[in-house]
Amino acid sequence: MTCEELGAETELIRAMEFDVRPCRGCESCSLAMAKGEEPKCVIDDDVPWILDKIILDGAALIVAVPTYHLRANGYFEILNERMLPVLFKHPEILKKNKVGAIIAVGGGEPEWTPLTLLSVNIFMQHFTKVVDQMLVNFCARPGQVLLYPEYLERARKLGRNVVNAMKMPIEKVEYVGERKEVACPVCHCDILKVHTKLPEVYCPVCWTKGVISIEDGKMRIKWDEESIEYPRFSEKGVSDHLELIKKNFKYYYDNLNRVKELSAKYATYGKILKSKGRR
């Protein structure tokens, strides 16, 4: 609503109201990409249209997702897992020429660590410059009516930040949301992977790396500049990974007879339970 008040035209896509089916891991899109053919998903539903709309359309994108069990809900994860055909066909999206923001709703107690912002960033960091993100923790407070006006005002601020970013040249767009001292400098999430080679730590989304220390009783991280410049979802990061995928599929085709033999063996192994249908 705030975006419209500031002159932006808006459209809403509610994934639950579309035909949205999960990825089956068939690798059709990856195999096509590896062979130099047009990658496309073989599932006939609304997901390709939704992804084209929200990734390729030049408009800004605000993703708002509920948290049912510590992470983004299943409908969003379906869209996330099925974005590869779009990326394979349009690698230029990695230039991140559009802006975006994230609203994650429902995280339990404030001291909990829901993974929702982390999981949505896995999607958004491919093709947007995220300018703001917010986590809404809903918990009952004694004597307070459950309207949470501070969260509504924070959402309005997020909308203003998105519209302001849309008016800027993309190269001048920066993250303007809350910054935490030990958060990843790329996705600004504060959930870290602790490496076995302490004091090294990594962002599990961007794979930026840093060295952690304690100074004056506070945690500090000195981040590696090269990993900030070339995070996992940069053009270089994705290009390197796609080359690895191509090598894996070359190995697959070079050993196709052996793969078929093993597949036949394991596909029929064990006591496989089948649905008896609903009564």
Protein backbone atom coordinates (compact mmCIF):
# COMPACT_ATOMS: atom_id res chain seq x y z
CA MET A 1 0.00 0.00 0.00
CA THR A 2 2.85 2.38 0.81
CA CYS A 3 4.47 1.68 -2.57
CA GLU A 4 1.22 2.69 -4.27
CA GLU A 5 0.95 5.82 -2.13
CA LEU A 6 4.38 6.79 -3.46
CA GLY A 7 3.24 6.33 -7.07
CA ALA A 8 4.30 2.76 -7.85
CA GLU A 9 1.97 0.34 -9.58
CA THR A 10 1.76 -3.01 -7.81
CA GLU A 11 0.74 -6.58 -8.59
CA LEU A 12 0.28 -9.44 -6.12
CA ILE A 13 1.06 -13.09 -6.73
CA ARG A 14 -0.23 -15.49 -4.08
CA ALA A 15 1.52 -18.78 -4.82
CA MET A 16 -1.07 -20.85 -2.93
CA GLU A 17 -3.72 -19.83 -5.46
CA PHE A 18 -1.71 -21.23 -8.40
CA ASP A 19 -0.87 -24.73 -9.61
CA VAL A 20 2.52 -25.10 -7.91
CA ARG A 21 4.25 -28.50 -7.88
CA PRO A 22 7.59 -29.51 -6.36
CA CYS A 23 10.76 -30.26 -8.28
CA ARG A 24 11.19 -34.01 -8.89
CA GLY A 25 14.95 -33.89 -9.29
CA CYS A 26 14.72 -35.28 -12.82
CA GLU A 27 17.68 -33.10 -13.94
CA SER A 28 16.03 -32.42 -17.33
CA CYS A 29 16.91 -28.73 -17.18
CA SER A 30 20.52 -29.39 -16.08
CA LEU A 31 21.03 -32.09 -18.71
CA ALA A 32 19.73 -29.78 -21.42
CA MET A 33 22.03 -26.98 -20.24
CA ALA A 34 25.03 -29.34 -20.20
CA LYS A 35 24.28 -30.44 -23.80
CA GLY A 36 23.86 -26.87 -25.06
CA GLU A 37 20.10 -27.25 -25.53
CA GLU A 38 17.36 -24.93 -24.24
CA PRO A 39 16.82 -25.75 -20.57
CA LYS A 40 13.20 -25.97 -19.51
CA CYS A 41 11.18 -27.64 -16.80
CA VAL A 42 9.13 -30.68 -17.83
CA ILE A 43 6.49 -30.10 -15.14
CA ASP A 44 3.34 -28.58 -16.64
CA ASP A 45 2.11 -26.10 -14.02
CA ASP A 46 2.14 -22.37 -13.23
CA VAL A 47 5.66 -22.19 -11.78
CA PRO A 48 7.47 -21.25 -15.04
CA TRP A 49 5.06 -18.34 -15.54
CA ILE A 50 5.48 -17.16 -11.94
CA LEU A 51 9.27 -17.35 -12.14
CA ASP A 52 9.43 -15.50 -15.47
CA LYS A 53 7.17 -12.83 -13.98
CA ILE A 54 9.08 -12.25 -10.75
CA ILE A 55 12.62 -12.78 -12.07
CA LEU A 56 12.61 -11.41 -15.62
CA ASP A 57 10.09 -8.60 -15.20
CA GLY A 58 11.90 -5.31 -14.64
CA ALA A 59 9.80 -4.40 -11.60
CA ALA A 60 11.07 -4.50 -8.04
CA LEU A 61 10.17 -7.59 -6.03
CA ILE A 62 9.03 -7.85 -2.42
CA VAL A 63 8.85 -11.45 -1.19
CA ALA A 64 6.70 -11.98 1.90
CA VAL A 65 6.61 -15.48 3.37
CA PRO A 66 5.21 -17.15 6.48
CA THR A 67 7.36 -19.24 8.77
CA TYR A 68 5.64 -22.51 9.67
CA HIS A 69 8.59 -24.55 10.90
CA LEU A 70 11.66 -22.32 11.31
CA ARG A 71 12.09 -21.62 7.59
CA ALA A 72 10.22 -20.26 4.56
CA ASN A 73 7.05 -22.23 3.83
CA GLY A 74 6.81 -25.00 1.25
CA TYR A 75 5.24 -22.96 -1.55
CA PHE A 76 8.14 -20.55 -1.55
CA GLU A 77 10.70 -23.37 -1.43
CA ILE A 78 9.08 -24.93 -4.51
CA LEU A 79 9.64 -21.70 -6.44
CA ASN A 80 13.18 -21.49 -5.08
CA GLU A 81 14.10 -25.03 -6.10
CA ARG A 82 12.65 -24.66 -9.59
CA MET A 83 14.42 -21.45 -10.62
CA LEU A 84 17.32 -23.20 -12.39
CA PRO A 85 15.76 -23.27 -15.90
CA VAL A 86 15.33 -19.49 -15.73
CA LEU A 87 18.91 -19.03 -14.56
CA PHE A 88 20.29 -21.38 -17.23
CA LYS A 89 18.41 -19.53 -19.99
CA HIS A 90 19.04 -16.04 -18.64
CA PRO A 91 22.44 -15.90 -16.90
CA GLU A 92 22.27 -12.11 -17.27
CA ILE A 93 19.98 -12.03 -14.21
CA LEU A 94 23.14 -12.49 -12.12
CA LYS A 95 24.01 -8.86 -12.89
CA LYS A 96 21.26 -8.03 -10.39
CA ASN A 97 19.66 -5.15 -12.25
CA LYS A 98 16.51 -5.08 -10.12
CA VAL A 99 15.86 -4.30 -6.47
CA GLY A 100 14.11 -6.42 -3.90
CA ALA A 101 13.14 -6.77 -0.25
CA ILE A 102 12.07 -9.54 2.11
CA ILE A 103 9.40 -9.80 4.78
CA ALA A 104 9.48 -12.97 6.88
CA VAL A 105 6.49 -13.43 9.20
CA GLY A 106 6.31 -15.65 12.26
CA GLY A 107 9.41 -16.64 14.14
CA GLY A 108 8.28 -17.60 17.63
CA GLU A 109 10.23 -16.24 20.58
CA PRO A 110 12.50 -13.27 19.79
CA GLU A 111 15.59 -15.21 20.86
CA TRP A 112 14.80 -18.05 18.47
CA THR A 113 16.81 -18.26 15.26
CA PRO A 114 14.36 -18.86 12.40
CA LEU A 115 16.00 -19.59 9.06
CA THR A 116 13.42 -17.76 6.95
CA LEU A 117 15.47 -14.72 5.93
CA LEU A 118 18.36 -17.06 5.19
CA SER A 119 16.29 -19.32 2.92
CA VAL A 120 14.68 -16.42 1.04
CA ASN A 121 18.08 -14.84 0.45
CA ILE A 122 19.17 -18.05 -1.29
CA PHE A 123 16.56 -17.14 -3.91
CA MET A 124 16.86 -13.36 -3.96
CA GLN A 125 20.66 -13.10 -4.08
CA HIS A 126 20.63 -14.63 -7.56
CA PHE A 127 18.92 -11.72 -9.29
CA THR A 128 18.16 -8.79 -6.99
CA LYS A 129 19.92 -6.19 -4.95
CA VAL A 130 18.16 -6.65 -1.64
CA VAL A 131 17.71 -3.19 -0.12
CA ASP A 132 15.82 -4.15 3.03
CA GLN A 133 14.58 -7.16 4.99
CA MET A 134 12.57 -7.64 8.15
CA LEU A 135 11.70 -10.51 10.46
CA VAL A 136 8.35 -10.39 12.26
CA ASN A 137 8.35 -12.35 15.52
CA PHE A 138 4.81 -12.94 16.75
CA CYS A 139 4.57 -13.69 20.44
CA ALA A 140 1.91 -12.76 22.95
CA ARG A 141 2.74 -9.82 25.16
CA PRO A 142 0.87 -9.27 28.45
CA GLY A 143 -1.89 -6.71 28.11
CA GLN A 144 -1.23 -5.94 24.43
CA VAL A 145 -3.77 -6.29 21.65
CA LEU A 146 -2.25 -8.40 18.88
CA LEU A 147 -2.04 -5.67 16.24
CA TYR A 148 1.71 -5.07 16.41
CA PRO A 149 1.64 -1.50 15.00
CA GLU A 150 5.45 -1.34 15.08
CA TYR A 151 5.66 -4.14 12.52
CA LEU A 152 3.15 -2.44 10.23
CA GLU A 153 5.17 0.77 10.39
CA ARG A 154 8.36 -1.21 9.73
CA ALA A 155 6.72 -2.76 6.66
CA ARG A 156 5.74 0.71 5.43
CA LYS A 157 9.35 1.79 5.85
CA LEU A 158 10.45 -1.22 3.81
CA GLY A 159 8.04 -0.20 1.04
CA ARG A 160 9.46 3.32 1.03
CA ASN A 161 12.99 1.94 0.84
CA VAL A 162 12.08 -0.16 -2.18
CA VAL A 163 10.46 2.73 -4.06
CA ASN A 164 13.41 5.01 -3.29
CA ALA A 165 15.81 2.36 -4.60
CA MET A 166 13.77 2.01 -7.81
CA LYS A 167 14.43 5.68 -8.55
CA MET A 168 18.22 5.29 -8.31
CA PRO A 169 20.72 4.02 -10.88
CA ILE A 170 21.19 0.37 -9.96
CA GLU A 171 24.91 0.81 -9.33
CA LYS A 172 24.12 3.27 -6.52
CA VAL A 173 21.60 1.05 -4.77
CA GLU A 174 22.73 -0.10 -1.32
CA TYR A 175 21.29 -2.11 1.54
CA VAL A 176 19.53 0.25 3.96
CA GLY A 177 18.01 -2.23 6.40
CA GLU A 178 19.26 -3.03 9.87
CA ARG A 179 22.91 -4.02 10.03
CA LYS A 180 24.29 -6.32 12.70
CA GLU A 181 27.93 -6.28 13.68
CA VAL A 182 28.64 -9.91 12.80
CA ALA A 183 26.26 -10.29 9.83
CA CYS A 184 27.34 -11.30 6.32
CA PRO A 185 28.25 -8.13 4.37
CA VAL A 186 26.41 -9.45 1.29
CA CYS A 187 23.05 -10.86 2.49
CA HIS A 188 23.17 -9.24 5.96
CA CYS A 189 22.02 -12.43 7.70
CA ASP A 190 23.68 -13.25 11.01
CA ILE A 191 23.61 -17.07 10.87
CA LEU A 192 27.13 -18.37 10.33
CA LYS A 193 28.84 -21.67 9.58
CA VAL A 194 31.68 -22.30 11.99
CA HIS A 195 34.51 -23.92 10.05
CA THR A 196 36.57 -26.74 11.53
CA LYS A 197 39.57 -24.44 11.07
CA LEU A 198 38.61 -21.88 13.68
CA PRO A 199 38.65 -18.89 13.71
CA GLU A 200 37.33 -19.08 10.10
CA VAL A 201 33.58 -18.61 9.64
CA TYR A 202 31.40 -18.60 6.51
CA CYS A 203 27.99 -17.28 5.49
CA PRO A 204 26.01 -20.42 4.49
CA VAL A 205 24.16 -18.44 1.80
CA CYS A 206 26.85 -16.32 0.15
CA TRP A 207 29.93 -18.34 1.18
CA THR A 208 31.66 -15.14 2.16
CA LYS A 209 34.38 -15.98 4.65
CA GLY A 210 35.89 -14.18 7.59
CA VAL A 211 38.00 -14.53 10.71
CA ILE A 212 36.21 -14.24 14.03
CA SER A 213 37.67 -12.68 17.16
CA ILE A 214 36.63 -11.30 20.53
CA GLU A 215 37.53 -7.67 21.21
CA ASP A 216 36.54 -5.95 24.45
CA GLY A 217 34.04 -8.72 25.11
CA LYS A 218 32.34 -8.32 21.71
CA MET A 219 32.41 -10.63 18.73
CA ARG A 220 34.08 -9.22 15.59
CA ILE A 221 34.55 -10.65 12.10
CA LYS A 222 37.14 -9.48 9.60
CA TRP A 223 35.59 -10.40 6.26
CA ASP A 224 37.62 -11.46 3.24
CA GLU A 225 37.29 -8.81 0.52
CA GLU A 226 37.57 -11.21 -2.43
CA SER A 227 34.72 -13.38 -1.16
CA ILE A 228 32.61 -10.23 -0.74
CA GLU A 229 33.30 -9.25 -4.36
CA TYR A 230 32.66 -12.77 -5.70
CA PRO A 231 30.09 -14.45 -3.43
CA ARG A 232 28.38 -17.73 -4.26
CA PHE A 233 25.64 -16.07 -6.35
CA SER A 234 27.84 -13.65 -8.26
CA GLU A 235 28.38 -14.16 -11.98
CA LYS A 236 31.77 -15.74 -11.29
CA GLY A 237 30.49 -17.91 -8.44
CA VAL A 238 27.60 -19.34 -10.46
CA SER A 239 29.72 -19.72 -13.60
CA ASP A 240 32.30 -21.79 -11.70
CA HIS A 241 29.54 -23.97 -10.26
CA LEU A 242 27.90 -24.52 -13.67
CA GLU A 243 31.22 -25.70 -15.07
CA LEU A 244 31.34 -28.26 -12.27
CA ILE A 245 27.80 -29.39 -13.17
CA LYS A 246 28.82 -29.82 -16.81
CA LYS A 247 31.80 -31.97 -15.78
CA ASN A 248 29.53 -34.10 -13.61
CA PHE A 249 27.14 -34.70 -16.49
CA LYS A 250 30.00 -35.54 -18.84
CA TYR A 251 31.00 -38.21 -16.34
CA TYR A 252 27.36 -39.35 -16.30
CA TYR A 253 27.22 -39.78 -20.07
CA ASP A 254 30.64 -41.39 -20.23
CA ASN A 255 29.40 -44.04 -17.79
CA LEU A 256 25.79 -44.24 -18.91
CA ASN A 257 25.60 -48.05 -19.16
CA ARG A 258 26.92 -48.44 -15.62
CA VAL A 259 24.49 -45.77 -14.36
CA LYS A 260 21.53 -47.63 -15.91
CA GLU A 261 22.69 -50.89 -14.37
CA LEU A 262 22.96 -49.38 -10.89
CA SER A 263 19.69 -47.48 -11.25
CA ALA A 264 17.79 -50.67 -12.08
CA LYS A 265 19.30 -52.37 -9.02
CA TYR A 266 18.49 -49.68 -6.48
CA ALA A 267 15.13 -48.57 -7.91
CA THR A 268 13.61 -51.94 -6.97
CA TYR A 269 15.52 -52.62 -3.75
CA GLY A 270 13.78 -52.93 -0.40
CA LYS A 271 10.23 -52.84 0.85
CA ILE A 272 8.75 -49.89 -1.00
CA LEU A 273 5.54 -48.52 0.50
CA LYS A 274 2.81 -47.40 -1.89
CA SER A 275 -0.19 -45.17 -1.39
CA LYS A 276 -3.45 -47.10 -1.10
CA GLY A 277 -5.44 -44.00 -1.94
CA ARG A 278 -7.81 -42.08 0.28
CA ARG A 279 -11.12 -43.59 1.34
